[in-house]
């Protein structure tokens, strides 16, 4: 609530009517309307490090991977997902190395407790980019990054691994 008034922003993202609240922060999505679906296509995106099931120490990690066909610039992102796959926190677009067919990105696990999480490498389209940018903007302005429960239909999850953060340091 801002001065006793709840502020809502309603956007249309890739066929979804999306509402975001500032006040208690909330995200929500209605039934999608038809639009182009995302696809991992022939990209062949894989996470190569850390290894599946790895035990990690700290809050920030490098995630490294490979691709067969380079995805469009700024379309390959890392996503932090809860172990049950119901909530997501977009991380960052990765940097690619065309010659080596590899990519590298930053990944953050918030909090300071032991945590199991999934690292997802995803290709996102324009609507997904708008959603992820807005997520980052709200987080930076409020110091709170509320989980996203559902993505626009142009977010394709290409590879995922589970890791365990043993302690925050």
N, C-alpha and C. Protein backbone atom coordinates (compact mmCIF):
# COMPACT_ATOMS: atom_id res chain seq x y z
N UNK A 1 0.85 -1.16 0.00
CA UNK A 1 0.00 0.00 0.00
C UNK A 1 0.90 1.23 0.00
N UNK A 2 0.54 2.17 -0.81
CA UNK A 2 1.25 3.43 -0.87
C UNK A 2 0.29 4.50 -0.36
N UNK A 3 0.54 5.02 0.83
CA UNK A 3 -0.35 6.01 1.41
C UNK A 3 -1.77 5.50 1.57
N UNK A 4 -1.92 4.22 1.89
CA UNK A 4 -3.23 3.63 2.09
C UNK A 4 -3.93 3.20 0.81
N UNK A 5 -3.24 3.34 -0.35
CA UNK A 5 -3.85 2.99 -1.62
C UNK A 5 -3.05 1.85 -2.24
N UNK A 6 -3.71 0.82 -2.70
CA UNK A 6 -3.04 -0.28 -3.39
C UNK A 6 -2.88 0.13 -4.85
N UNK A 7 -1.68 -0.02 -5.38
CA UNK A 7 -1.40 0.34 -6.76
C UNK A 7 -1.30 -0.95 -7.57
N UNK A 8 -2.02 -1.03 -8.68
CA UNK A 8 -1.97 -2.21 -9.54
C UNK A 8 -1.59 -1.79 -10.94
N UNK A 9 -0.81 -2.61 -11.59
CA UNK A 9 -0.46 -2.40 -12.98
C UNK A 9 -0.95 -3.63 -13.72
N UNK A 10 -1.71 -3.41 -14.78
CA UNK A 10 -2.22 -4.53 -15.57
C UNK A 10 -1.58 -4.43 -16.94
N UNK A 11 -0.92 -5.52 -17.35
CA UNK A 11 -0.25 -5.58 -18.64
C UNK A 11 -0.76 -6.75 -19.45
N UNK A 12 -0.66 -6.65 -20.74
CA UNK A 12 -0.91 -7.80 -21.59
C UNK A 12 0.44 -8.28 -22.08
N UNK A 13 0.84 -9.48 -21.65
CA UNK A 13 2.13 -10.04 -22.01
C UNK A 13 1.95 -11.33 -22.79
N UNK A 14 2.24 -11.30 -24.05
CA UNK A 14 2.21 -12.51 -24.86
C UNK A 14 0.93 -13.30 -24.72
N UNK A 15 -0.21 -12.62 -24.69
CA UNK A 15 -1.47 -13.32 -24.60
C UNK A 15 -1.98 -13.52 -23.20
N UNK A 16 -1.23 -13.11 -22.19
CA UNK A 16 -1.68 -13.23 -20.81
C UNK A 16 -2.07 -11.84 -20.33
N UNK A 17 -3.14 -11.74 -19.60
CA UNK A 17 -3.40 -10.51 -18.89
C UNK A 17 -2.74 -10.69 -17.55
N UNK A 18 -1.81 -9.82 -17.26
CA UNK A 18 -0.94 -9.98 -16.11
C UNK A 18 -1.17 -8.85 -15.14
N UNK A 19 -1.31 -9.16 -13.86
CA UNK A 19 -1.46 -8.10 -12.88
C UNK A 19 -0.32 -8.16 -11.89
N UNK A 20 0.18 -7.01 -11.53
CA UNK A 20 1.25 -6.90 -10.56
C UNK A 20 0.78 -5.92 -9.51
N UNK A 21 1.02 -6.20 -8.27
CA UNK A 21 0.61 -5.28 -7.22
C UNK A 21 1.81 -4.73 -6.50
N UNK A 22 1.71 -3.52 -6.09
CA UNK A 22 2.69 -2.92 -5.20
C UNK A 22 1.92 -2.60 -3.95
N UNK A 23 2.24 -3.18 -2.92
CA UNK A 23 1.45 -2.94 -1.75
C UNK A 23 1.43 -4.13 -0.87
N UNK A 24 0.68 -5.14 -0.73
CA UNK A 24 1.45 -6.35 -0.68
C UNK A 24 1.72 -6.72 -2.13
N UNK A 25 2.96 -7.12 -2.44
CA UNK A 25 3.33 -7.44 -3.80
C UNK A 25 2.68 -8.75 -4.22
N UNK A 26 2.05 -8.74 -5.37
CA UNK A 26 1.42 -9.94 -5.89
C UNK A 26 1.63 -10.00 -7.39
N UNK A 27 1.71 -11.19 -7.91
CA UNK A 27 1.75 -11.41 -9.34
C UNK A 27 0.62 -12.37 -9.67
N UNK A 28 -0.02 -12.23 -10.80
CA UNK A 28 -1.07 -13.16 -11.17
C UNK A 28 -1.25 -13.18 -12.67
N UNK A 29 -1.80 -14.25 -13.19
CA UNK A 29 -2.01 -14.39 -14.62
C UNK A 29 -3.39 -14.96 -14.89
N UNK A 30 -4.00 -14.50 -15.96
CA UNK A 30 -5.28 -15.07 -16.36
C UNK A 30 -5.04 -16.11 -17.45
N UNK A 31 -6.11 -16.70 -17.94
CA UNK A 31 -6.02 -17.71 -18.99
C UNK A 31 -5.38 -17.11 -20.23
N UNK A 32 -4.42 -17.83 -20.84
CA UNK A 32 -3.74 -17.28 -22.00
C UNK A 32 -4.63 -17.24 -23.24
N UNK A 33 -4.37 -16.26 -24.10
CA UNK A 33 -4.99 -16.23 -25.42
C UNK A 33 -3.94 -16.76 -26.38
N UNK A 34 -4.33 -17.21 -27.56
CA UNK A 34 -3.36 -17.81 -28.47
C UNK A 34 -2.23 -16.87 -28.86
N UNK A 35 -1.02 -17.38 -28.88
CA UNK A 35 0.15 -16.65 -29.36
C UNK A 35 1.24 -17.66 -29.66
N UNK A 36 2.33 -17.20 -30.20
CA UNK A 36 3.42 -18.10 -30.58
C UNK A 36 4.07 -18.69 -29.33
N UNK A 37 4.22 -19.99 -29.29
CA UNK A 37 4.85 -20.67 -28.14
C UNK A 37 6.35 -20.63 -28.27
N UNK A 38 7.00 -20.63 -27.14
CA UNK A 38 8.47 -20.69 -27.10
C UNK A 38 8.91 -22.11 -27.39
N UNK A 39 10.14 -22.22 -27.82
CA UNK A 39 10.68 -23.54 -28.09
C UNK A 39 12.19 -23.51 -27.89
N UNK A 40 12.72 -24.63 -27.42
CA UNK A 40 14.17 -24.76 -27.30
C UNK A 40 14.77 -25.11 -28.64
N UNK A 41 13.89 -25.50 -29.59
CA UNK A 41 14.29 -25.74 -30.96
C UNK A 41 15.54 -26.59 -31.08
N UNK A 42 16.41 -26.17 -31.96
CA UNK A 42 17.67 -26.89 -32.22
C UNK A 42 18.82 -26.28 -31.44
N UNK A 43 18.53 -25.47 -30.42
CA UNK A 43 19.60 -24.81 -29.68
C UNK A 43 20.49 -25.80 -28.93
N UNK A 44 19.95 -26.92 -28.47
CA UNK A 44 20.75 -27.93 -27.76
C UNK A 44 21.37 -27.38 -26.48
N UNK A 45 20.62 -26.61 -25.73
CA UNK A 45 21.13 -25.94 -24.53
C UNK A 45 21.27 -26.93 -23.38
N UNK A 46 22.45 -26.96 -22.77
CA UNK A 46 22.73 -27.84 -21.64
C UNK A 46 23.47 -27.07 -20.55
N UNK A 47 23.17 -27.40 -19.30
CA UNK A 47 23.94 -26.89 -18.16
C UNK A 47 25.05 -27.90 -17.90
N UNK A 48 26.31 -27.43 -17.88
CA UNK A 48 27.45 -28.34 -17.68
C UNK A 48 28.11 -28.17 -16.30
N UNK A 49 27.92 -27.01 -15.67
CA UNK A 49 28.47 -26.79 -14.34
C UNK A 49 27.62 -25.73 -13.63
N UNK A 50 27.23 -26.00 -12.39
CA UNK A 50 27.61 -27.13 -11.55
C UNK A 50 26.94 -28.42 -12.03
N UNK A 51 27.39 -29.51 -11.49
CA UNK A 51 26.83 -30.81 -11.83
C UNK A 51 25.49 -31.02 -11.12
N UNK A 52 24.64 -31.81 -11.70
CA UNK A 52 23.35 -32.18 -11.09
C UNK A 52 23.61 -32.75 -9.69
N UNK A 53 22.90 -32.26 -8.68
CA UNK A 53 23.04 -32.74 -7.31
C UNK A 53 24.21 -32.16 -6.54
N UNK A 54 24.91 -31.18 -7.13
CA UNK A 54 26.08 -30.59 -6.47
C UNK A 54 25.71 -29.88 -5.17
N UNK A 55 26.63 -29.90 -4.22
CA UNK A 55 26.51 -29.15 -2.98
C UNK A 55 27.30 -27.85 -3.15
N UNK A 56 26.64 -26.72 -2.94
CA UNK A 56 27.25 -25.42 -3.16
C UNK A 56 27.31 -24.64 -1.85
N UNK A 57 28.32 -23.79 -1.71
CA UNK A 57 28.47 -22.94 -0.54
C UNK A 57 28.44 -21.50 -1.02
N UNK A 58 27.63 -20.67 -0.38
CA UNK A 58 27.55 -19.25 -0.74
C UNK A 58 26.17 -18.89 -1.28
N UNK A 59 26.07 -17.68 -1.81
CA UNK A 59 24.80 -17.21 -2.35
C UNK A 59 24.87 -16.97 -3.85
N UNK A 60 26.07 -16.72 -4.38
CA UNK A 60 26.21 -16.39 -5.79
C UNK A 60 27.15 -17.39 -6.46
N UNK A 61 26.72 -17.88 -7.63
CA UNK A 61 27.47 -18.93 -8.32
C UNK A 61 27.53 -18.63 -9.80
N UNK A 62 28.57 -19.14 -10.46
CA UNK A 62 28.62 -19.14 -11.91
C UNK A 62 27.99 -20.43 -12.40
N UNK A 63 27.17 -20.32 -13.41
CA UNK A 63 26.59 -21.48 -14.07
C UNK A 63 27.11 -21.46 -15.51
N UNK A 64 27.59 -22.60 -15.97
CA UNK A 64 28.20 -22.71 -17.28
C UNK A 64 27.44 -23.76 -18.09
N UNK A 65 27.37 -23.54 -19.39
CA UNK A 65 26.68 -24.50 -20.24
C UNK A 65 27.17 -24.46 -21.66
N UNK A 66 26.49 -25.24 -22.48
CA UNK A 66 26.85 -25.33 -23.89
C UNK A 66 25.59 -25.23 -24.75
N UNK A 67 25.81 -24.99 -26.03
CA UNK A 67 24.71 -24.98 -27.00
C UNK A 67 25.21 -25.54 -28.32
N UNK A 68 24.28 -26.01 -29.13
CA UNK A 68 24.60 -26.49 -30.47
C UNK A 68 24.45 -25.34 -31.45
N UNK A 69 23.32 -24.63 -31.37
CA UNK A 69 23.04 -23.45 -32.18
C UNK A 69 22.86 -22.29 -31.21
N UNK A 70 23.59 -21.20 -31.45
CA UNK A 70 23.52 -20.05 -30.54
C UNK A 70 22.14 -19.40 -30.56
N UNK A 71 21.52 -19.24 -29.39
CA UNK A 71 20.21 -18.57 -29.33
C UNK A 71 20.38 -17.07 -29.58
N UNK A 72 19.30 -16.38 -29.94
CA UNK A 72 19.40 -14.93 -30.15
C UNK A 72 19.95 -14.21 -28.92
N UNK A 73 20.62 -13.09 -29.16
CA UNK A 73 21.24 -12.30 -28.08
C UNK A 73 20.22 -11.99 -26.99
N UNK A 74 20.64 -12.15 -25.74
CA UNK A 74 19.85 -11.85 -24.54
C UNK A 74 18.57 -12.68 -24.40
N UNK A 75 18.48 -13.79 -25.12
CA UNK A 75 17.28 -14.63 -24.99
C UNK A 75 17.49 -15.85 -24.09
N UNK A 76 18.74 -16.15 -23.75
CA UNK A 76 19.03 -17.30 -22.88
C UNK A 76 19.23 -16.79 -21.46
N UNK A 77 18.38 -17.22 -20.55
CA UNK A 77 18.37 -16.76 -19.16
C UNK A 77 18.50 -17.92 -18.20
N UNK A 78 18.96 -17.62 -17.00
CA UNK A 78 18.93 -18.57 -15.90
C UNK A 78 17.74 -18.22 -15.01
N UNK A 79 17.10 -19.25 -14.48
CA UNK A 79 15.95 -19.09 -13.61
C UNK A 79 16.16 -19.96 -12.38
N UNK A 80 15.89 -19.41 -11.21
CA UNK A 80 15.92 -20.14 -9.95
C UNK A 80 14.50 -20.64 -9.70
N UNK A 81 14.34 -21.94 -9.52
CA UNK A 81 13.01 -22.51 -9.30
C UNK A 81 12.97 -23.26 -7.97
N UNK A 82 11.83 -23.17 -7.31
CA UNK A 82 11.65 -23.95 -6.09
C UNK A 82 11.67 -25.43 -6.45
N UNK A 83 12.03 -26.30 -5.51
CA UNK A 83 12.11 -27.74 -5.81
C UNK A 83 10.81 -28.33 -6.34
N UNK A 84 9.67 -27.78 -5.93
CA UNK A 84 8.39 -28.31 -6.41
C UNK A 84 7.99 -27.73 -7.77
N UNK A 85 8.80 -26.80 -8.31
CA UNK A 85 8.53 -26.24 -9.62
C UNK A 85 7.34 -25.31 -9.68
N UNK A 86 6.91 -24.79 -8.55
CA UNK A 86 5.72 -23.93 -8.53
C UNK A 86 6.05 -22.44 -8.50
N UNK A 87 7.26 -22.09 -8.11
CA UNK A 87 7.64 -20.69 -8.04
C UNK A 87 9.01 -20.48 -8.66
N UNK A 88 9.18 -19.29 -9.28
CA UNK A 88 10.38 -19.00 -10.05
C UNK A 88 10.89 -17.60 -9.76
N UNK A 89 12.22 -17.45 -9.86
CA UNK A 89 12.87 -16.16 -9.73
C UNK A 89 13.84 -16.01 -10.89
N UNK A 90 13.50 -15.21 -11.92
CA UNK A 90 14.44 -15.00 -13.02
C UNK A 90 15.76 -14.44 -12.48
N UNK A 91 16.85 -14.87 -13.07
CA UNK A 91 18.17 -14.44 -12.63
C UNK A 91 18.73 -13.41 -13.61
N UNK A 92 19.49 -13.87 -14.59
CA UNK A 92 20.16 -12.96 -15.52
C UNK A 92 20.27 -13.63 -16.88
N UNK A 93 20.36 -12.80 -17.94
CA UNK A 93 20.70 -13.31 -19.26
C UNK A 93 22.16 -13.76 -19.20
N UNK A 94 22.49 -14.80 -19.92
CA UNK A 94 23.85 -15.32 -19.91
C UNK A 94 24.68 -14.69 -21.03
N UNK A 95 25.99 -14.81 -20.90
CA UNK A 95 26.90 -14.38 -21.97
C UNK A 95 27.31 -15.61 -22.76
N UNK A 96 27.32 -15.48 -24.08
CA UNK A 96 27.67 -16.62 -24.93
C UNK A 96 29.04 -16.42 -25.57
N UNK A 97 29.69 -17.54 -25.87
CA UNK A 97 30.95 -17.56 -26.60
C UNK A 97 30.69 -18.37 -27.87
N UNK A 98 30.50 -17.66 -28.97
CA UNK A 98 30.13 -18.31 -30.24
C UNK A 98 31.17 -19.32 -30.71
N UNK A 99 32.44 -18.99 -30.57
CA UNK A 99 33.51 -19.87 -31.05
C UNK A 99 33.55 -21.19 -30.29
N UNK A 100 33.36 -21.12 -28.97
CA UNK A 100 33.41 -22.33 -28.14
C UNK A 100 32.06 -23.00 -27.97
N UNK A 101 30.99 -22.31 -28.40
CA UNK A 101 29.61 -22.81 -28.23
C UNK A 101 29.29 -23.06 -26.76
N UNK A 102 29.68 -22.09 -25.94
CA UNK A 102 29.43 -22.18 -24.50
C UNK A 102 28.75 -20.89 -24.03
N UNK A 103 28.22 -20.95 -22.83
CA UNK A 103 27.63 -19.78 -22.18
C UNK A 103 27.95 -19.80 -20.70
N UNK A 104 27.84 -18.62 -20.07
CA UNK A 104 28.12 -18.49 -18.65
C UNK A 104 27.20 -17.42 -18.08
N UNK A 105 26.67 -17.70 -16.88
CA UNK A 105 25.78 -16.74 -16.25
C UNK A 105 25.89 -16.75 -14.74
N UNK A 106 25.39 -15.68 -14.13
CA UNK A 106 25.39 -15.53 -12.68
C UNK A 106 24.08 -16.07 -12.12
N UNK A 107 24.17 -16.75 -10.96
CA UNK A 107 23.01 -17.36 -10.33
C UNK A 107 23.04 -17.07 -8.84
N UNK A 108 21.93 -16.62 -8.28
CA UNK A 108 21.85 -16.26 -6.87
C UNK A 108 20.81 -17.11 -6.16
N UNK A 109 21.18 -17.65 -5.01
CA UNK A 109 20.23 -18.33 -4.12
C UNK A 109 20.10 -17.43 -2.90
N UNK A 110 18.93 -16.83 -2.71
CA UNK A 110 18.72 -15.89 -1.61
C UNK A 110 18.65 -16.58 -0.26
N UNK A 111 18.70 -15.77 0.78
CA UNK A 111 18.61 -16.28 2.14
C UNK A 111 19.95 -16.83 2.62
N UNK A 112 19.92 -17.39 3.82
CA UNK A 112 21.16 -17.91 4.38
C UNK A 112 21.01 -19.32 4.94
N UNK A 113 19.93 -19.99 4.57
CA UNK A 113 19.68 -21.33 5.09
C UNK A 113 20.01 -22.40 4.06
N UNK A 114 20.11 -23.63 4.52
CA UNK A 114 20.29 -24.75 3.60
C UNK A 114 19.09 -24.76 2.65
N UNK A 115 19.37 -24.90 1.36
CA UNK A 115 18.29 -24.80 0.38
C UNK A 115 18.54 -25.73 -0.79
N UNK A 116 17.49 -26.41 -1.22
CA UNK A 116 17.52 -27.17 -2.46
C UNK A 116 16.81 -26.32 -3.49
N UNK A 117 17.41 -26.17 -4.64
CA UNK A 117 16.80 -25.35 -5.69
C UNK A 117 17.09 -25.95 -7.05
N UNK A 118 16.34 -25.51 -8.02
CA UNK A 118 16.58 -25.93 -9.40
C UNK A 118 17.14 -24.76 -10.18
N UNK A 119 18.16 -25.04 -10.97
CA UNK A 119 18.70 -24.07 -11.91
C UNK A 119 18.14 -24.43 -13.27
N UNK A 120 17.49 -23.47 -13.91
CA UNK A 120 16.89 -23.70 -15.22
C UNK A 120 17.55 -22.78 -16.24
N UNK A 121 17.91 -23.34 -17.39
CA UNK A 121 18.36 -22.54 -18.53
C UNK A 121 17.15 -22.46 -19.47
N UNK A 122 16.72 -21.24 -19.77
CA UNK A 122 15.50 -21.04 -20.56
C UNK A 122 15.73 -20.04 -21.68
N UNK A 123 15.05 -20.26 -22.79
CA UNK A 123 15.04 -19.31 -23.90
C UNK A 123 13.74 -18.52 -23.76
N UNK A 124 13.86 -17.18 -23.81
CA UNK A 124 12.67 -16.34 -23.65
C UNK A 124 12.47 -15.45 -24.87
N UNK A 125 11.20 -15.16 -25.14
CA UNK A 125 10.83 -14.25 -26.22
C UNK A 125 10.59 -12.85 -25.69
N UNK A 126 9.97 -12.02 -26.52
CA UNK A 126 9.76 -10.61 -26.16
C UNK A 126 8.85 -10.43 -24.95
N UNK A 127 7.78 -11.19 -24.86
CA UNK A 127 6.88 -11.05 -23.71
C UNK A 127 7.56 -11.51 -22.43
N UNK A 128 8.31 -12.60 -22.51
CA UNK A 128 9.07 -13.06 -21.36
C UNK A 128 10.10 -12.03 -20.92
N UNK A 129 10.72 -11.36 -21.89
CA UNK A 129 11.69 -10.31 -21.57
C UNK A 129 11.02 -9.17 -20.81
N UNK A 130 9.82 -8.78 -21.23
CA UNK A 130 9.09 -7.72 -20.53
C UNK A 130 8.79 -8.16 -19.09
N UNK A 131 8.34 -9.39 -18.92
CA UNK A 131 8.04 -9.92 -17.59
C UNK A 131 9.30 -9.94 -16.72
N UNK A 132 10.40 -10.46 -17.25
CA UNK A 132 11.64 -10.56 -16.48
C UNK A 132 12.18 -9.17 -16.13
N UNK A 133 12.12 -8.24 -17.08
CA UNK A 133 12.58 -6.87 -16.81
C UNK A 133 11.73 -6.22 -15.72
N UNK A 134 10.43 -6.44 -15.76
CA UNK A 134 9.56 -5.87 -14.74
C UNK A 134 9.83 -6.50 -13.37
N UNK A 135 10.05 -7.81 -13.35
CA UNK A 135 10.41 -8.51 -12.12
C UNK A 135 11.66 -7.87 -11.50
N UNK A 136 12.69 -7.63 -12.32
CA UNK A 136 13.93 -7.03 -11.84
C UNK A 136 13.67 -5.61 -11.33
N UNK A 137 12.87 -4.83 -12.07
CA UNK A 137 12.59 -3.45 -11.68
C UNK A 137 11.89 -3.40 -10.32
N UNK A 138 10.86 -4.22 -10.14
CA UNK A 138 10.14 -4.26 -8.86
C UNK A 138 11.10 -4.67 -7.74
N UNK A 139 11.92 -5.67 -7.99
CA UNK A 139 12.87 -6.13 -6.98
C UNK A 139 13.87 -5.06 -6.58
N UNK A 140 14.41 -4.36 -7.56
CA UNK A 140 15.38 -3.31 -7.26
C UNK A 140 14.74 -2.14 -6.51
N UNK A 141 13.51 -1.80 -6.88
CA UNK A 141 12.84 -0.66 -6.25
C UNK A 141 12.32 -0.97 -4.85
N UNK A 142 12.02 -2.23 -4.57
CA UNK A 142 11.41 -2.58 -3.28
C UNK A 142 12.32 -3.44 -2.40
N UNK A 143 13.44 -3.90 -2.94
CA UNK A 143 14.34 -4.85 -2.26
C UNK A 143 13.62 -6.15 -1.92
N UNK A 144 12.60 -6.48 -2.69
CA UNK A 144 11.84 -7.71 -2.51
C UNK A 144 11.57 -8.29 -3.90
N UNK A 145 11.95 -9.53 -4.10
CA UNK A 145 11.75 -10.20 -5.38
C UNK A 145 10.70 -11.28 -5.20
N UNK A 146 9.42 -10.94 -5.33
CA UNK A 146 8.37 -11.94 -5.13
C UNK A 146 8.41 -12.99 -6.24
N UNK A 147 8.11 -14.21 -5.87
CA UNK A 147 8.16 -15.32 -6.83
C UNK A 147 7.14 -15.14 -7.94
N UNK A 148 7.50 -15.63 -9.11
CA UNK A 148 6.57 -15.70 -10.24
C UNK A 148 6.03 -17.12 -10.27
N UNK A 149 4.74 -17.26 -10.38
CA UNK A 149 4.13 -18.59 -10.36
C UNK A 149 3.88 -19.16 -11.74
N UNK A 150 3.86 -18.31 -12.75
CA UNK A 150 3.59 -18.78 -14.10
C UNK A 150 4.20 -17.80 -15.09
N UNK A 151 4.81 -18.34 -16.15
CA UNK A 151 5.45 -17.52 -17.17
C UNK A 151 4.53 -17.27 -18.35
N UNK A 152 4.93 -16.31 -19.16
CA UNK A 152 4.27 -16.11 -20.45
C UNK A 152 4.58 -17.32 -21.31
N UNK A 153 3.84 -17.48 -22.39
CA UNK A 153 4.00 -18.69 -23.20
C UNK A 153 5.22 -18.67 -24.11
N UNK A 154 6.03 -17.62 -24.05
CA UNK A 154 7.25 -17.61 -24.85
C UNK A 154 8.50 -17.81 -23.98
N UNK A 155 8.33 -18.47 -22.85
CA UNK A 155 9.45 -18.88 -22.00
C UNK A 155 9.54 -20.40 -22.10
N UNK A 156 10.64 -20.89 -22.67
CA UNK A 156 10.85 -22.34 -22.84
C UNK A 156 12.00 -22.81 -21.97
N UNK A 157 11.72 -23.74 -21.09
CA UNK A 157 12.74 -24.28 -20.19
C UNK A 157 13.48 -25.41 -20.92
N UNK A 158 14.77 -25.18 -21.19
CA UNK A 158 15.54 -26.09 -22.03
C UNK A 158 16.34 -27.13 -21.26
N UNK A 159 16.84 -26.77 -20.09
CA UNK A 159 17.56 -27.73 -19.25
C UNK A 159 17.40 -27.29 -17.81
N UNK A 160 17.42 -28.27 -16.90
CA UNK A 160 17.29 -27.94 -15.47
C UNK A 160 18.04 -28.96 -14.65
N UNK A 161 18.65 -28.47 -13.56
CA UNK A 161 19.35 -29.35 -12.63
C UNK A 161 18.96 -28.95 -11.21
N UNK A 162 19.04 -29.89 -10.30
CA UNK A 162 18.80 -29.60 -8.88
C UNK A 162 20.15 -29.51 -8.18
N UNK A 163 20.32 -28.49 -7.34
CA UNK A 163 21.52 -28.33 -6.53
C UNK A 163 21.12 -28.06 -5.09
N UNK A 164 22.06 -28.25 -4.17
CA UNK A 164 21.81 -28.02 -2.75
C UNK A 164 22.80 -27.00 -2.25
N UNK A 165 22.30 -25.90 -1.71
CA UNK A 165 23.17 -24.90 -1.08
C UNK A 165 23.29 -25.31 0.37
N UNK A 166 24.52 -25.64 0.80
CA UNK A 166 24.70 -26.15 2.17
C UNK A 166 24.75 -25.05 3.20
N UNK A 167 25.30 -23.90 2.85
CA UNK A 167 25.27 -22.74 3.74
C UNK A 167 25.63 -21.51 2.92
N UNK A 168 25.25 -20.37 3.46
CA UNK A 168 25.46 -19.13 2.72
C UNK A 168 26.87 -18.56 2.89
N UNK A 169 27.69 -19.06 3.71
CA UNK A 169 29.08 -18.69 4.00
C UNK A 169 29.20 -18.13 5.37
